[in-house]
């Protein structure tokens, strides 16, 4: 296990990070492109200007980490835990997330337009001002999430918990929702859904 310190400008391209543990480490300008990772744990780490392009992470944990100016082009995260982590000025083009726990994650202002997130727990995630037109955000537990000012136009939201979403505070034109979500959204607008009476 590595605790504290800084890794600067390292070339970890294609490395296997499986089983590694790092706590309180700052990674600056590290190339993590095409790395593979089964079960690695990063706790309270800082990633600045790092590249995660085409990397694959399975059952890994990034707990209370901060990512600033990082690239996640075509990265895949399956069953990963990112509880309490925060992303600032990162790019997520063609990012794929399946399952895992992203509760309390900070994605304020994130551009998720080309990302695909499915089946993950994202309770109380901060998606304030997130830009996700056309994104796939399916079957996500988004209870308690912050949505103010988010752009979800054209996004596929089917199966996700939208109970915390106020449709008056986000852009939803063209978004795809299921029947249960449609009722929730209409109710949030103050309307009453009742069966027809003959």
Protein backbone atom coordinates (compact mmCIF):
# COMPACT_ATOMS: atom_id res chain seq x y z
CA UNK A 1 0.00 0.00 0.00
CA UNK A 2 1.20 3.50 -0.90
CA UNK A 3 0.29 6.24 1.57
CA UNK A 4 0.85 9.92 0.89
CA UNK A 5 3.33 11.44 -1.50
CA UNK A 6 3.04 12.43 -5.16
CA UNK A 7 3.37 10.61 -8.46
CA UNK A 8 4.18 13.15 -11.17
CA UNK A 9 4.34 12.62 -14.93
CA UNK A 10 4.55 8.83 -14.70
CA UNK A 11 3.85 6.66 -17.75
CA UNK A 12 1.59 3.86 -16.58
CA UNK A 13 0.18 3.26 -20.05
CA UNK A 14 -1.28 -0.26 -20.27
CA UNK A 15 -0.28 -1.22 -16.72
CA UNK A 16 -2.30 -3.71 -14.67
CA UNK A 17 -3.28 -1.93 -11.45
CA UNK A 18 -5.24 -4.86 -10.03
CA UNK A 19 -5.03 -5.18 -6.25
CA UNK A 20 -3.05 -1.99 -5.70
CA UNK A 21 -3.92 0.28 -2.75
CA UNK A 22 -3.16 3.98 -2.54
CA UNK A 23 -4.22 6.43 0.17
CA UNK A 24 -3.72 10.18 0.17
CA UNK A 25 -1.55 10.11 -2.95
CA UNK A 26 -1.52 12.95 -5.49
CA UNK A 27 -1.23 11.86 -9.12
CA UNK A 28 -0.20 14.71 -11.46
CA UNK A 29 -0.05 14.32 -15.23
CA UNK A 30 0.00 10.52 -15.02
CA UNK A 31 -0.86 8.55 -18.16
CA UNK A 32 -3.25 5.78 -17.09
CA UNK A 33 -4.48 5.11 -20.63
CA UNK A 34 -5.45 1.51 -21.37
CA UNK A 35 -4.72 0.43 -17.81
CA UNK A 36 -6.63 -2.55 -16.44
CA UNK A 37 -7.78 -2.64 -12.88
CA UNK A 38 -9.55 -5.39 -10.96
CA UNK A 39 -10.17 -4.43 -7.36
CA UNK A 40 -7.65 -1.61 -6.85
CA UNK A 41 -8.45 0.86 -4.05
CA UNK A 42 -7.69 4.59 -4.11
CA UNK A 43 -8.71 6.49 -0.97
CA UNK A 44 -8.54 10.29 -0.55
CA UNK A 45 -6.34 10.56 -3.63
CA UNK A 46 -6.03 13.53 -6.00
CA UNK A 47 -5.77 13.11 -9.77
CA UNK A 48 -4.70 16.22 -11.71
CA UNK A 49 -4.51 16.27 -15.51
CA UNK A 50 -4.39 12.46 -15.69
CA UNK A 51 -5.46 10.39 -18.68
CA UNK A 52 -7.74 7.39 -18.13
CA UNK A 53 -8.43 6.95 -21.84
CA UNK A 54 -9.64 3.45 -22.80
CA UNK A 55 -8.86 2.17 -19.31
CA UNK A 56 -10.97 -0.64 -17.80
CA UNK A 57 -11.80 -0.76 -14.10
CA UNK A 58 -13.73 -3.62 -12.50
CA UNK A 59 -14.83 -3.68 -8.84
CA UNK A 60 -12.32 -0.92 -8.11
CA UNK A 61 -12.78 1.83 -5.52
CA UNK A 62 -12.01 5.55 -5.79
CA UNK A 63 -13.25 6.76 -2.41
CA UNK A 64 -13.40 10.50 -1.63
CA UNK A 65 -11.01 11.19 -4.50
CA UNK A 66 -10.73 14.43 -6.47
CA UNK A 67 -10.33 14.41 -10.26
CA UNK A 68 -9.36 17.70 -11.90
CA UNK A 69 -8.79 18.13 -15.64
CA UNK A 70 -8.77 14.38 -16.28
CA UNK A 71 -9.79 12.59 -19.48
CA UNK A 72 -11.98 9.47 -19.44
CA UNK A 73 -12.31 8.90 -23.19
CA UNK A 74 -13.77 5.42 -23.79
CA UNK A 75 -13.03 4.42 -20.19
CA UNK A 76 -15.10 1.60 -18.68
CA UNK A 77 -16.00 1.33 -15.00
CA UNK A 78 -17.94 -1.77 -13.98
CA UNK A 79 -19.13 -2.33 -10.42
CA UNK A 80 -16.84 0.40 -9.10
CA UNK A 81 -17.26 2.50 -5.95
CA UNK A 82 -16.70 6.25 -6.28
CA UNK A 83 -18.50 7.32 -3.12
CA UNK A 84 -17.81 10.95 -2.25
CA UNK A 85 -15.49 11.57 -5.19
CA UNK A 86 -15.52 14.88 -7.05
CA UNK A 87 -14.90 15.70 -10.72
CA UNK A 88 -13.88 19.15 -11.96
CA UNK A 89 -13.18 20.10 -15.59
CA UNK A 90 -13.01 16.45 -16.67
CA UNK A 91 -14.05 15.02 -20.04
CA UNK A 92 -16.23 11.90 -20.30
CA UNK A 93 -16.58 11.24 -24.03
CA UNK A 94 -17.78 7.64 -24.58
CA UNK A 95 -17.38 6.80 -20.89
CA UNK A 96 -19.29 3.63 -19.91
CA UNK A 97 -20.38 3.04 -16.32
CA UNK A 98 -22.25 -0.12 -15.33
CA UNK A 99 -23.37 -0.76 -11.77
CA UNK A 100 -21.37 0.28 -8.75
CA UNK A 101 -21.89 2.93 -6.09
CA UNK A 102 -21.45 6.59 -7.05
CA UNK A 103 -23.36 8.01 -4.09
CA UNK A 104 -22.50 11.58 -3.05
CA UNK A 105 -20.36 12.01 -6.16
CA UNK A 106 -19.75 15.57 -7.36
CA UNK A 107 -20.43 16.02 -11.08
CA UNK A 108 -21.55 19.66 -11.03
CA UNK A 109 -21.21 21.17 -14.50
CA UNK A 110 -19.95 17.89 -15.98
CA UNK A 111 -20.41 17.27 -19.71
CA UNK A 112 -21.96 13.80 -19.88
CA UNK A 113 -23.49 14.18 -23.34
CA UNK A 114 -21.60 11.22 -24.79
CA UNK A 115 -21.52 9.09 -21.63
CA UNK A 116 -23.48 5.93 -20.83
CA UNK A 117 -24.34 5.25 -17.19
CA UNK A 118 -26.54 2.29 -16.28
CA UNK A 119 -27.53 0.50 -13.09
CA UNK A 120 -25.39 2.52 -10.69
CA UNK A 121 -26.34 3.90 -7.30
CA UNK A 122 -25.97 7.69 -7.43
CA UNK A 123 -27.83 8.75 -4.32
CA UNK A 124 -27.45 12.44 -3.47
CA UNK A 125 -25.12 12.96 -6.43
CA UNK A 126 -24.47 16.61 -7.31
CA UNK A 127 -25.47 17.04 -10.95
CA UNK A 128 -26.07 20.77 -10.70
CA UNK A 129 -25.64 22.32 -14.12
CA UNK A 130 -24.59 19.01 -15.67
CA UNK A 131 -24.80 18.91 -19.46
CA UNK A 132 -26.19 15.59 -20.61
CA UNK A 133 -28.14 16.12 -23.84
CA UNK A 134 -28.51 12.75 -25.52
CA UNK A 135 -26.78 10.87 -22.71
CA UNK A 136 -27.84 7.42 -21.53
CA UNK A 137 -28.68 7.56 -17.82
CA UNK A 138 -30.71 4.39 -17.31
CA UNK A 139 -31.74 2.43 -14.22
CA UNK A 140 -29.84 4.74 -11.88
CA UNK A 141 -30.70 5.30 -8.22
CA UNK A 142 -30.68 9.10 -8.26
CA UNK A 143 -32.72 9.62 -5.10
CA UNK A 144 -31.81 12.89 -3.43
CA UNK A 145 -29.69 14.04 -6.40
CA UNK A 146 -29.16 17.75 -7.09
CA UNK A 147 -30.34 18.65 -10.60
CA UNK A 148 -30.73 22.44 -10.68
CA UNK A 149 -29.85 23.85 -14.12
CA UNK A 150 -29.04 20.47 -15.67
CA UNK A 151 -29.60 19.86 -19.38
CA UNK A 152 -31.17 16.45 -19.96
CA UNK A 153 -32.68 17.19 -23.35
CA UNK A 154 -32.88 14.05 -25.45
CA UNK A 155 -31.38 11.90 -22.68
CA UNK A 156 -32.55 8.34 -22.07
CA UNK A 157 -33.64 8.36 -18.41
CA UNK A 158 -35.80 5.23 -18.37
CA UNK A 159 -35.77 3.23 -15.17
CA UNK A 160 -33.92 5.87 -13.16
CA UNK A 161 -35.19 7.35 -9.89
CA UNK A 162 -36.13 10.93 -10.75
CA UNK A 163 -37.99 11.64 -7.50
CA UNK A 164 -35.62 14.48 -6.63
CA UNK A 165 -35.90 16.12 -10.05
CA UNK A 166 -37.97 19.29 -10.41
CA UNK A 167 -38.89 19.49 -14.12
CA UNK A 168 -39.16 23.27 -13.81
CA UNK A 169 -35.45 23.55 -13.01
CA UNK A 170 -33.97 21.38 -15.77
CA UNK A 171 -34.13 21.07 -19.55
CA UNK A 172 -36.06 17.91 -20.47
CA UNK A 173 -37.17 18.47 -24.06
CA UNK A 174 -37.05 15.19 -25.97
CA UNK A 175 -35.91 13.13 -22.98
CA UNK A 176 -37.07 9.50 -22.87
CA UNK A 177 -38.90 8.39 -19.72
CA UNK A 178 -41.09 5.45 -18.75
CA UNK A 179 -44.71 5.64 -17.58
CA UNK A 180 -43.87 5.68 -13.86
CA UNK A 181 -41.40 8.51 -14.37
CA UNK A 182 -43.92 10.44 -16.45
CA UNK A 183 -46.41 10.28 -13.59
CA UNK A 184 -43.75 11.44 -11.12
CA UNK A 185 -42.81 14.38 -13.34
CA UNK A 186 -46.41 15.41 -13.88
CA UNK A 187 -47.04 15.19 -10.15
CA UNK A 188 -43.95 17.33 -9.50
CA UNK A 189 -45.57 20.00 -11.68
CA UNK A 190 -48.55 20.04 -9.32
CA UNK A 191 -50.93 18.15 -11.58
CA UNK A 192 -53.15 15.29 -10.46
CA UNK A 193 -53.13 12.08 -12.48
CA UNK A 194 -56.53 10.40 -12.27
CA UNK A 195 -58.26 7.64 -14.26
CA UNK A 196 -60.83 8.61 -16.83
CA UNK A 197 -64.45 8.52 -15.71
CA UNK A 198 -67.12 7.35 -18.04
